[in-house]
PDB file of N, CA and C in Angstrom:
ATOM      1  N   MET A   1     159.632 117.820 122.937  1.00  0.00           N
ATOM      2  CA  MET A   1     158.385 118.522 123.247  1.00  0.00           C
ATOM      3  C   MET A   1     158.174 118.490 124.754  1.00  0.00           C
ATOM      4  N   ARG A   2     157.782 119.591 125.327  1.00  0.00           N
ATOM      5  CA  ARG A   2     157.558 119.702 126.773  1.00  0.00           C
ATOM      6  C   ARG A   2     156.058 119.642 127.060  1.00  0.00           C
ATOM      7  N   TYR A   3     155.703 118.857 128.074  1.00  0.00           N
ATOM      8  CA  TYR A   3     154.309 118.748 128.480  1.00  0.00           C
ATOM      9  C   TYR A   3     154.133 119.463 129.808  1.00  0.00           C
ATOM     10  N   ASN A   4     152.988 120.049 130.005  1.00  0.00           N
ATOM     11  CA  ASN A   4     152.762 120.935 131.132  1.00  0.00           C
ATOM     12  C   ASN A   4     152.182 120.208 132.348  1.00  0.00           C
ATOM     13  N   PHE A   5     152.794 119.103 132.769  1.00  0.00           N
ATOM     14  CA  PHE A   5     152.306 118.378 133.930  1.00  0.00           C
ATOM     15  C   PHE A   5     152.451 119.167 135.223  1.00  0.00           C
ATOM     16  N   PRO A   6     153.645 119.720 135.510  1.00  0.00           N
ATOM     17  CA  PRO A   6     153.821 120.359 136.817  1.00  0.00           C
ATOM     18  C   PRO A   6     152.875 121.525 137.070  1.00  0.00           C
ATOM     19  N   MET A   7     152.594 122.331 136.058  1.00  0.00           N
ATOM     20  CA  MET A   7     151.725 123.481 136.277  1.00  0.00           C
ATOM     21  C   MET A   7     150.313 123.036 136.647  1.00  0.00           C
ATOM     22  N   THR A   8     149.782 122.065 135.942  1.00  0.00           N
ATOM     23  CA  THR A   8     148.452 121.567 136.258  1.00  0.00           C
ATOM     24  C   THR A   8     148.455 120.878 137.620  1.00  0.00           C
ATOM     25  N   TYR A   9     149.475 120.086 137.865  1.00  0.00           N
ATOM     26  CA  TYR A   9     149.597 119.394 139.137  1.00  0.00           C
ATOM     27  C   TYR A   9     149.728 120.411 140.267  1.00  0.00           C
ATOM     28  N   ASP A  10     150.660 121.341 140.100  1.00  0.00           N
ATOM     29  CA  ASP A  10     150.872 122.353 141.138  1.00  0.00           C
ATOM     30  C   ASP A  10     149.641 123.232 141.334  1.00  0.00           C
ATOM     31  N   GLY A  11     148.958 123.562 140.255  1.00  0.00           N
ATOM     32  CA  GLY A  11     147.749 124.372 140.358  1.00  0.00           C
ATOM     33  C   GLY A  11     146.654 123.655 141.134  1.00  0.00           C
ATOM     34  N   THR A  12     146.522 122.358 140.896  1.00  0.00           N
ATOM     35  CA  THR A  12     145.516 121.567 141.611  1.00  0.00           C
ATOM     36  C   THR A  12     145.902 121.432 143.081  1.00  0.00           C
ATOM     37  N   LYS A  13     147.182 121.261 143.341  1.00  0.00           N
ATOM     38  CA  LYS A  13     147.651 121.168 144.725  1.00  0.00           C
ATOM     39  C   LYS A  13     147.406 122.490 145.455  1.00  0.00           C
ATOM     40  N   ASP A  14     147.649 123.611 144.775  1.00  0.00           N
ATOM     41  CA  ASP A  14     147.372 124.921 145.370  1.00  0.00           C
ATOM     42  C   ASP A  14     145.878 125.101 145.633  1.00  0.00           C
ATOM     43  N   LEU A  15     145.061 124.607 144.727  1.00  0.00           N
ATOM     44  CA  LEU A  15     143.608 124.674 144.901  1.00  0.00           C
ATOM     45  C   LEU A  15     143.189 123.920 146.156  1.00  0.00           C
ATOM     46  N   LEU A  16     143.729 122.717 146.326  1.00  0.00           N
ATOM     47  CA  LEU A  16     143.442 121.942 147.532  1.00  0.00           C
ATOM     48  C   LEU A  16     143.908 122.678 148.787  1.00  0.00           C
ATOM     49  N   LYS A  17     145.083 123.268 148.722  1.00  0.00           N
ATOM     50  CA  LYS A  17     145.620 124.012 149.868  1.00  0.00           C
ATOM     51  C   LYS A  17     144.685 125.150 150.255  1.00  0.00           C
ATOM     52  N   ASN A  18     144.182 125.869 149.264  1.00  0.00           N
ATOM     53  CA  ASN A  18     143.269 126.985 149.535  1.00  0.00           C
ATOM     54  C   ASN A  18     141.962 126.506 150.162  1.00  0.00           C
ATOM     55  N   ILE A  19     141.457 125.384 149.691  1.00  0.00           N
ATOM     56  CA  ILE A  19     140.223 124.823 150.263  1.00  0.00           C
ATOM     57  C   ILE A  19     140.466 124.431 151.719  1.00  0.00           C
ATOM     58  N   VAL A  20     141.586 123.758 151.972  1.00  0.00           N
ATOM     59  CA  VAL A  20     141.917 123.332 153.335  1.00  0.00           C
ATOM     60  C   VAL A  20     142.066 124.546 154.250  1.00  0.00           C
ATOM     61  N   GLU A  21     142.709 125.591 153.766  1.00  0.00           N
ATOM     62  CA  GLU A  21     142.854 126.805 154.577  1.00  0.00           C
ATOM     63  C   GLU A  21     141.491 127.412 154.900  1.00  0.00           C
ATOM     64  N   TRP A  22     140.585 127.436 153.920  1.00  0.00           N
ATOM     65  CA  TRP A  22     139.252 127.973 154.174  1.00  0.00           C
ATOM     66  C   TRP A  22     138.524 127.115 155.211  1.00  0.00           C
ATOM     67  N   LEU A  23     138.637 125.806 155.057  1.00  0.00           N
ATOM     68  CA  LEU A  23     137.966 124.904 155.996  1.00  0.00           C
ATOM     69  C   LEU A  23     138.539 125.037 157.408  1.00  0.00           C
ATOM     70  N   GLY A  24     139.801 125.387 157.519  1.00  0.00           N
ATOM     71  CA  GLY A  24     140.429 125.568 158.826  1.00  0.00           C
ATOM     72  C   GLY A  24     140.027 126.862 159.503  1.00  0.00           C
ATOM     73  N   GLY A  25     139.362 127.731 158.765  1.00  0.00           N
ATOM     74  CA  GLY A  25     138.911 129.001 159.321  1.00  0.00           C
ATOM     75  C   GLY A  25     137.519 128.899 159.909  1.00  0.00           C
ATOM     76  N   THR A  26     136.909 130.052 160.098  1.00  0.00           N
ATOM     77  CA  THR A  26     135.578 130.090 160.713  1.00  0.00           C
ATOM     78  C   THR A  26     134.525 130.698 159.789  1.00  0.00           C
ATOM     79  N   ASP A  27     134.899 131.019 158.574  1.00  0.00           N
ATOM     80  CA  ASP A  27     133.965 131.622 157.618  1.00  0.00           C
ATOM     81  C   ASP A  27     132.818 130.651 157.339  1.00  0.00           C
ATOM     82  N   THR A  28     131.599 131.100 157.550  1.00  0.00           N
ATOM     83  CA  THR A  28     130.443 130.238 157.299  1.00  0.00           C
ATOM     84  C   THR A  28     129.804 130.518 155.949  1.00  0.00           C
ATOM     85  N   ALA A  29     130.193 131.612 155.321  1.00  0.00           N
ATOM     86  CA  ALA A  29     129.717 131.900 153.967  1.00  0.00           C
ATOM     87  C   ALA A  29     130.729 131.307 152.990  1.00  0.00           C
ATOM     88  N   GLY A  30     130.296 130.983 151.822  1.00  0.00           N
ATOM     89  CA  GLY A  30     131.214 130.503 150.808  1.00  0.00           C
ATOM     90  C   GLY A  30     131.221 129.006 150.596  1.00  0.00           C
ATOM     91  N   TRP A  31     130.295 128.299 151.223  1.00  0.00           N
ATOM     92  CA  TRP A  31     130.247 126.853 151.018  1.00  0.00           C
ATOM     93  C   TRP A  31     130.053 126.503 149.549  1.00  0.00           C
ATOM     94  N   ASP A  32     129.181 127.225 148.878  1.00  0.00           N
ATOM     95  CA  ASP A  32     128.939 126.935 147.460  1.00  0.00           C
ATOM     96  C   ASP A  32     130.195 127.172 146.627  1.00  0.00           C
ATOM     97  N   ASP A  33     130.922 128.242 146.942  1.00  0.00           N
ATOM     98  CA  ASP A  33     132.167 128.526 146.229  1.00  0.00           C
ATOM     99  C   ASP A  33     133.197 127.423 146.470  1.00  0.00           C
ATOM    100  N   GLN A  34     133.312 127.001 147.707  1.00  0.00           N
ATOM    101  CA  GLN A  34     134.268 125.938 148.032  1.00  0.00           C
ATOM    102  C   GLN A  34     133.859 124.620 147.368  1.00  0.00           C
ATOM    103  N   GLY A  35     132.557 124.384 147.283  1.00  0.00           N
ATOM    104  CA  GLY A  35     132.071 123.188 146.595  1.00  0.00           C
ATOM    105  C   GLY A  35     132.444 123.214 145.120  1.00  0.00           C
ATOM    106  N   ALA A  36     132.335 124.373 144.504  1.00  0.00           N
ATOM    107  CA  ALA A  36     132.713 124.506 143.091  1.00  0.00           C
ATOM    108  C   ALA A  36     134.214 124.287 142.922  1.00  0.00           C
ATOM    109  N   LEU A  37     135.001 124.800 143.851  1.00  0.00           N
ATOM    110  CA  LEU A  37     136.451 124.606 143.776  1.00  0.00           C
ATOM    111  C   LEU A  37     136.814 123.134 143.992  1.00  0.00           C
ATOM    112  N   ALA A  38     136.135 122.476 144.914  1.00  0.00           N
ATOM    113  CA  ALA A  38     136.394 121.054 145.158  1.00  0.00           C
ATOM    114  C   ALA A  38     136.002 120.226 143.931  1.00  0.00           C
ATOM    115  N   ALA A  39     134.902 120.580 143.286  1.00  0.00           N
ATOM    116  CA  ALA A  39     134.487 119.873 142.061  1.00  0.00           C
ATOM    117  C   ALA A  39     135.526 120.074 140.958  1.00  0.00           C
ATOM    118  N   GLU A  40     136.066 121.280 140.865  1.00  0.00           N
ATOM    119  CA  GLU A  40     137.119 121.559 139.883  1.00  0.00           C
ATOM    120  C   GLU A  40     138.360 120.719 140.183  1.00  0.00           C
ATOM    121  N   CYS A  41     138.689 120.605 141.449  1.00  0.00           N
ATOM    122  CA  CYS A  41     139.837 119.816 141.868  1.00  0.00           C
ATOM    123  C   CYS A  41     139.668 118.348 141.473  1.00  0.00           C
ATOM    124  N   VAL A  42     138.499 117.782 141.752  1.00  0.00           N
ATOM    125  CA  VAL A  42     138.221 116.393 141.393  1.00  0.00           C
ATOM    126  C   VAL A  42     138.306 116.218 139.879  1.00  0.00           C
ATOM    127  N   SER A  43     137.745 117.149 139.146  1.00  0.00           N
ATOM    128  CA  SER A  43     137.798 117.096 137.690  1.00  0.00           C
ATOM    129  C   SER A  43     139.239 117.138 137.188  1.00  0.00           C
ATOM    130  N   ASN A  44     140.045 118.019 137.766  1.00  0.00           N
ATOM    131  CA  ASN A  44     141.458 118.115 137.384  1.00  0.00           C
ATOM    132  C   ASN A  44     142.192 116.810 137.647  1.00  0.00           C
ATOM    133  N   LEU A  45     141.954 116.217 138.813  1.00  0.00           N
ATOM    134  CA  LEU A  45     142.620 114.965 139.147  1.00  0.00           C
ATOM    135  C   LEU A  45     142.247 113.870 138.147  1.00  0.00           C
ATOM    136  N   LYS A  46     140.983 113.765 137.827  1.00  0.00           N
ATOM    137  CA  LYS A  46     140.542 112.753 136.862  1.00  0.00           C
ATOM    138  C   LYS A  46     141.144 113.002 135.486  1.00  0.00           C
ATOM    139  N   ARG A  47     141.183 114.260 135.084  1.00  0.00           N
ATOM    140  CA  ARG A  47     141.739 114.609 133.774  1.00  0.00           C
ATOM    141  C   ARG A  47     143.224 114.273 133.714  1.00  0.00           C
ATOM    142  N   MET A  48     143.947 114.566 134.779  1.00  0.00           N
ATOM    143  CA  MET A  48     145.386 114.306 134.789  1.00  0.00           C
ATOM    144  C   MET A  48     145.702 112.807 134.816  1.00  0.00           C
ATOM    145  N   LEU A  49     144.750 111.994 135.255  1.00  0.00           N
ATOM    146  CA  LEU A  49     144.978 110.549 135.284  1.00  0.00           C
ATOM    147  C   LEU A  49     144.784 109.890 133.917  1.00  0.00           C
ATOM    148  N   ARG A  50     144.164 110.586 132.990  1.00  0.00           N
ATOM    149  CA  ARG A  50     143.985 110.027 131.648  1.00  0.00           C
ATOM    150  C   ARG A  50     145.316 110.018 130.905  1.00  0.00           C
ATOM    151  N   PRO A  51     145.531 109.024 130.039  1.00  0.00           N
ATOM    152  CA  PRO A  51     146.757 109.023 129.233  1.00  0.00           C
ATOM    153  C   PRO A  51     146.806 110.267 128.346  1.00  0.00           C
ATOM    154  N   ILE A  52     148.020 110.728 128.107  1.00  0.00           N
ATOM    155  CA  ILE A  52     148.242 111.902 127.273  1.00  0.00           C
ATOM    156  C   ILE A  52     148.666 111.415 125.894  1.00  0.00           C
ATOM    157  N   TYR A  53     147.896 111.778 124.894  1.00  0.00           N
ATOM    158  CA  TYR A  53     148.236 111.415 123.524  1.00  0.00           C
ATOM    159  C   TYR A  53     149.063 112.523 122.915  1.00  0.00           C
ATOM    160  N   ARG A  54     150.191 112.149 122.358  1.00  0.00           N
ATOM    161  CA  ARG A  54     151.124 113.130 121.798  1.00  0.00           C
ATOM    162  C   ARG A  54     151.072 113.073 120.280  1.00  0.00           C
ATOM    163  N   PRO A  55     150.721 114.143 119.645  1.00  0.00           N
ATOM    164  CA  PRO A  55     150.716 114.133 118.184  1.00  0.00           C
ATOM    165  C   PRO A  55     152.143 114.167 117.640  1.00  0.00           C
ATOM    166  N   ASP A  56     152.336 113.558 116.478  1.00  0.00           N
ATOM    167  CA  ASP A  56     153.641 113.678 115.837  1.00  0.00           C
ATOM    168  C   ASP A  56     153.704 115.022 115.116  1.00  0.00           C
ATOM    169  N   LYS A  57     154.735 115.246 114.372  1.00  0.00           N
ATOM    170  CA  LYS A  57     154.922 116.537 113.717  1.00  0.00           C
ATOM    171  C   LYS A  57     153.848 116.836 112.674  1.00  0.00           C
ATOM    172  N   THR A  58     153.188 115.805 112.162  1.00  0.00           N
ATOM    173  CA  THR A  58     152.137 116.031 111.171  1.00  0.00           C
ATOM    174  C   THR A  58     150.807 116.338 111.829  1.00  0.00           C
ATOM    175  N   GLY A  59     150.729 116.159 113.159  1.00  0.00           N
ATOM    176  CA  GLY A  59     149.492 116.440 113.867  1.00  0.00           C
ATOM    177  C   GLY A  59     148.637 115.217 114.122  1.00  0.00           C
ATOM    178  N   SER A  60     149.087 114.050 113.680  1.00  0.00           N
ATOM    179  CA  SER A  60     148.336 112.822 113.882  1.00  0.00           C
ATOM    180  C   SER A  60     148.396 112.411 115.343  1.00  0.00           C
ATOM    181  N   LEU A  61     147.255 112.086 115.932  1.00  0.00           N
ATOM    182  CA  LEU A  61     147.203 111.728 117.352  1.00  0.00           C
ATOM    183  C   LEU A  61     147.706 110.321 117.632  1.00  0.00           C
ATOM    184  N   ASP A  62     147.732 109.448 116.624  1.00  0.00           N
ATOM    185  CA  ASP A  62     148.116 108.066 116.890  1.00  0.00           C
ATOM    186  C   ASP A  62     149.550 107.765 116.473  1.00  0.00           C
ATOM    187  N   ALA A  63     150.367 108.770 116.261  1.00  0.00           N
ATOM    188  CA  ALA A  63     151.738 108.559 115.829  1.00  0.00           C
ATOM    189  C   ALA A  63     152.620 108.038 116.964  1.00  0.00           C
ATOM    190  N   GLU A  64     152.409 108.455 118.173  1.00  0.00           N
ATOM    191  CA  GLU A  64     153.197 108.012 119.310  1.00  0.00           C
ATOM    192  C   GLU A  64     152.265 107.433 120.371  1.00  0.00           C
ATOM    193  N   PRO A  65     152.743 106.459 121.135  1.00  0.00           N
ATOM    194  CA  PRO A  65     151.891 105.904 122.189  1.00  0.00           C
ATOM    195  C   PRO A  65     151.614 106.940 123.267  1.00  0.00           C
ATOM    196  N   PRO A  66     150.492 106.797 123.957  1.00  0.00           N
ATOM    197  CA  PRO A  66     150.182 107.757 125.036  1.00  0.00           C
ATOM    198  C   PRO A  66     151.163 107.593 126.185  1.00  0.00           C
ATOM    199  N   ILE A  67     151.303 108.659 126.956  1.00  0.00           N
ATOM    200  CA  ILE A  67     152.142 108.613 128.144  1.00  0.00           C
ATOM    201  C   ILE A  67     151.267 108.862 129.362  1.00  0.00           C
ATOM    202  N   ASP A  68     151.696 108.348 130.490  1.00  0.00           N
ATOM    203  CA  ASP A  68     150.987 108.580 131.742  1.00  0.00           C
ATOM    204  C   ASP A  68     151.546 109.829 132.404  1.00  0.00           C
ATOM    205  N   ASN A  69     150.735 110.455 133.209  1.00  0.00           N
ATOM    206  CA  ASN A  69     151.188 111.591 133.982  1.00  0.00           C
ATOM    207  C   ASN A  69     152.244 111.098 134.967  1.00  0.00           C
ATOM    208  N   PRO A  70     153.372 111.788 135.080  1.00  0.00           N
ATOM    209  CA  PRO A  70     154.410 111.337 136.004  1.00  0.00           C
ATOM    210  C   PRO A  70     153.967 111.378 137.474  1.00  0.00           C
ATOM    211  N   TYR A  71     152.870 112.043 137.757  1.00  0.00           N
ATOM    212  CA  TYR A  71     152.346 112.124 139.118  1.00  0.00           C
ATOM    213  C   TYR A  71     151.173 111.159 139.335  1.00  0.00           C
ATOM    214  N   ALA A  72     151.032 110.180 138.463  1.00  0.00           N
ATOM    215  CA  ALA A  72     149.856 109.309 138.498  1.00  0.00           C
ATOM    216  C   ALA A  72     149.649 108.636 139.859  1.00  0.00           C
ATOM    217  N   GLU A  73     150.718 108.182 140.482  1.00  0.00           N
ATOM    218  CA  GLU A  73     150.575 107.493 141.771  1.00  0.00           C
ATOM    219  C   GLU A  73     149.993 108.424 142.835  1.00  0.00           C
ATOM    220  N   GLN A  74     150.505 109.647 142.901  1.00  0.00           N
ATOM    221  CA  GLN A  74     149.988 110.612 143.866  1.00  0.00           C
ATOM    222  C   GLN A  74     148.536 110.969 143.544  1.00  0.00           C
ATOM    223  N   LEU A  75     148.244 111.117 142.271  1.00  0.00           N
ATOM    224  CA  LEU A  75     146.885 111.471 141.856  1.00  0.00           C
ATOM    225  C   LEU A  75     145.893 110.380 142.213  1.00  0.00           C
ATOM    226  N   GLU A  76     146.278 109.130 141.979  1.00  0.00           N
ATOM    227  CA  GLU A  76     145.391 108.005 142.304  1.00  0.00           C
ATOM    228  C   GLU A  76     145.132 107.916 143.803  1.00  0.00           C
ATOM    229  N   THR A  77     146.126 108.262 144.588  1.00  0.00           N
ATOM    230  CA  THR A  77     145.963 108.248 146.046  1.00  0.00           C
ATOM    231  C   THR A  77     145.098 109.414 146.506  1.00  0.00           C
ATOM    232  N   ALA A  78     145.277 110.566 145.891  1.00  0.00           N
ATOM    233  CA  ALA A  78     144.548 111.768 146.304  1.00  0.00           C
ATOM    234  C   ALA A  78     143.084 111.770 145.858  1.00  0.00           C
ATOM    235  N   LEU A  79     142.786 111.141 144.729  1.00  0.00           N
ATOM    236  CA  LEU A  79     141.437 111.229 144.156  1.00  0.00           C
ATOM    237  C   LEU A  79     140.327 110.792 145.114  1.00  0.00           C
ATOM    238  N   PRO A  80     140.409 109.631 145.771  1.00  0.00           N
ATOM    239  CA  PRO A  80     139.302 109.252 146.678  1.00  0.00           C
ATOM    240  C   PRO A  80     139.098 110.263 147.813  1.00  0.00           C
ATOM    241  N   HIS A  81     140.192 110.823 148.301  1.00  0.00           N
ATOM    242  CA  HIS A  81     140.082 111.823 149.367  1.00  0.00           C
ATOM    243  C   HIS A  81     139.441 113.109 148.836  1.00  0.00           C
ATOM    244  N   ALA A  82     139.796 113.482 147.614  1.00  0.00           N
ATOM    245  CA  ALA A  82     139.213 114.684 147.012  1.00  0.00           C
ATOM    246  C   ALA A  82     137.724 114.486 146.744  1.00  0.00           C
ATOM    247  N   GLU A  83     137.336 113.291 146.313  1.00  0.00           N
ATOM    248  CA  GLU A  83     135.912 113.006 146.102  1.00  0.00           C
ATOM    249  C   GLU A  83     135.155 113.050 147.428  1.00  0.00           C
ATOM    250  N   ALA A  84     135.763 112.529 148.481  1.00  0.00           N
ATOM    251  CA  ALA A  84     135.143 112.597 149.807  1.00  0.00           C
ATOM    252  C   ALA A  84     135.077 114.048 150.282  1.00  0.00           C
ATOM    253  N   LEU A  85     136.098 114.830 149.977  1.00  0.00           N
ATOM    254  CA  LEU A  85     136.098 116.254 150.302  1.00  0.00           C
ATOM    255  C   LEU A  85     134.902 116.936 149.656  1.00  0.00           C
ATOM    256  N   LEU A  86     134.688 116.664 148.391  1.00  0.00           N
ATOM    257  CA  LEU A  86     133.559 117.267 147.671  1.00  0.00           C
ATOM    258  C   LEU A  86     132.230 116.887 148.326  1.00  0.00           C
ATOM    259  N   ARG A  87     132.062 115.609 148.648  1.00  0.00           N
ATOM    260  CA  ARG A  87     130.812 115.163 149.289  1.00  0.00           C
ATOM    261  C   ARG A  87     130.594 115.842 150.636  1.00  0.00           C
ATOM    262  N   THR A  88     131.654 115.938 151.427  1.00  0.00           N
ATOM    263  CA  THR A  88     131.492 116.511 152.762  1.00  0.00           C
ATOM    264  C   THR A  88     131.328 118.026 152.715  1.00  0.00           C
ATOM    265  N   ILE A  89     131.871 118.671 151.708  1.00  0.00           N
ATOM    266  CA  ILE A  89     131.608 120.106 151.546  1.00  0.00           C
ATOM    267  C   ILE A  89     130.142 120.311 151.174  1.00  0.00           C
ATOM    268  N   ARG A  90     129.634 119.460 150.314  1.00  0.00           N
ATOM    269  CA  ARG A  90     128.225 119.595 149.903  1.00  0.00           C
ATOM    270  C   ARG A  90     127.272 119.398 151.071  1.00  0.00           C
ATOM    271  N   THR A  91     127.676 118.589 152.050  1.00  0.00           N
ATOM    272  CA  THR A  91     126.829 118.394 153.237  1.00  0.00           C
ATOM    273  C   THR A  91     127.197 119.369 154.355  1.00  0.00           C
ATOM    274  N   ARG A  92     128.179 120.221 154.078  1.00  0.00           N
ATOM    275  CA  ARG A  92     128.640 121.258 155.017  1.00  0.00           C
ATOM    276  C   ARG A  92     129.136 120.679 156.340  1.00  0.00           C
ATOM    277  N   ASP A  93     129.797 119.542 156.225  1.00  0.00           N
ATOM    278  CA  ASP A  93     130.423 118.909 157.381  1.00  0.00           C
ATOM    279  C   ASP A  93     131.881 119.366 157.418  1.00  0.00           C
ATOM    280  N   ARG A  94     132.118 120.468 158.101  1.00  0.00           N
ATOM    281  CA  ARG A  94     133.441 121.113 158.086  1.00  0.00           C
ATOM    282  C   ARG A  94     134.540 120.191 158.600  1.00  0.00           C
ATOM    283  N   ALA A  95     134.308 119.503 159.702  1.00  0.00           N
ATOM    284  CA  ALA A  95     135.356 118.655 160.286  1.00  0.00           C
ATOM    285  C   ALA A  95     135.746 117.518 159.333  1.00  0.00           C
ATOM    286  N   ALA A  96     134.755 116.855 158.766  1.00  0.00           N
ATOM    287  CA  ALA A  96     135.050 115.759 157.832  1.00  0.00           C
ATOM    288  C   ALA A  96     135.684 116.291 156.550  1.00  0.00           C
ATOM    289  N   ALA A  97     135.206 117.428 156.078  1.00  0.00           N
ATOM    290  CA  ALA A  97     135.776 118.024 154.865  1.00  0.00           C
ATOM    291  C   ALA A  97     137.233 118.401 155.106  1.00  0.00           C
ATOM    292  N   LEU A  98     137.525 118.933 156.270  1.00  0.00           N
ATOM    293  CA  LEU A  98     138.897 119.310 156.593  1.00  0.00           C
ATOM    294  C   LEU A  98     139.800 118.074 156.632  1.00  0.00           C
ATOM    295  N   ARG A  99     139.332 117.007 157.235  1.00  0.00           N
ATOM    296  CA  ARG A  99     140.112 115.756 157.269  1.00  0.00           C
ATOM    297  C   ARG A  99     140.375 115.247 155.851  1.00  0.00           C
ATOM    298  N   ASN A 100     139.328 115.229 155.030  1.00  0.00           N
ATOM    299  CA  ASN A 100     139.477 114.747 153.652  1.00  0.00           C
ATOM    300  C   ASN A 100     140.377 115.650 152.827  1.00  0.00           C
ATOM    301  N   GLY A 101     140.242 116.948 153.018  1.00  0.00           N
ATOM    302  CA  GLY A 101     141.088 117.886 152.297  1.00  0.00           C
ATOM    303  C   GLY A 101     142.548 117.743 152.672  1.00  0.00           C
ATOM    304  N   LYS A 102     142.824 117.583 153.953  1.00  0.00           N
ATOM    305  CA  LYS A 102     144.195 117.405 154.408  1.00  0.00           C
ATOM    306  C   LYS A 102     144.777 116.092 153.856  1.00  0.00           C
ATOM    307  N   ALA A 103     143.961 115.045 153.827  1.00  0.00           N
ATOM    308  CA  ALA A 103     144.422 113.761 153.307  1.00  0.00           C
ATOM    309  C   ALA A 103     144.731 113.856 151.797  1.00  0.00           C
ATOM    310  N   ALA A 104     143.868 114.541 151.058  1.00  0.00           N
ATOM    311  CA  ALA A 104     144.102 114.709 149.617  1.00  0.00           C
ATOM    312  C   ALA A 104     145.359 115.516 149.377  1.00  0.00           C
ATOM    313  N   PHE A 105     145.525 116.603 150.133  1.00  0.00           N
ATOM    314  CA  PHE A 105     146.700 117.446 149.988  1.00  0.00           C
ATOM    315  C   PHE A 105     147.975 116.667 150.328  1.00  0.00           C
ATOM    316  N   ALA A 106     147.938 115.905 151.409  1.00  0.00           N
ATOM    317  CA  ALA A 106     149.112 115.125 151.828  1.00  0.00           C
ATOM    318  C   ALA A 106     149.477 114.078 150.773  1.00  0.00           C
ATOM    319  N   ALA A 107     148.488 113.518 150.105  1.00  0.00           N
ATOM    320  CA  ALA A 107     148.753 112.501 149.084  1.00  0.00           C
ATOM    321  C   ALA A 107     149.454 113.084 147.873  1.00  0.00           C
ATOM    322  N   MET A 108     149.240 114.366 147.663  1.00  0.00           N
ATOM    323  CA  MET A 108     149.851 114.986 146.495  1.00  0.00           C
ATOM    324  C   MET A 108     151.251 115.461 146.818  1.00  0.00           C
TER     325      MET A 108
END
């Protein structure tokens, strides 16, 4: 059975990249949109850090032990930076948000 870790991981990394690119620009509109994207990013990181329960062929969730996301180490490193990114976007501190976004992206 194949699990879709890379797509979710890559999608979240792309989301962070887009936020960082926006923060590196001069657009002053869109703070609320970027805040929503940063919140989605934090949510994705937290979700990916949870163990994955694999059902057996009968559909029972407790048939096999849970597995960890293979990117767990990167996710754990990126999460605090992503949470700081969200806070600094909400306060519209572009310089701090850019630093936090770059740090989260680099961790991934």
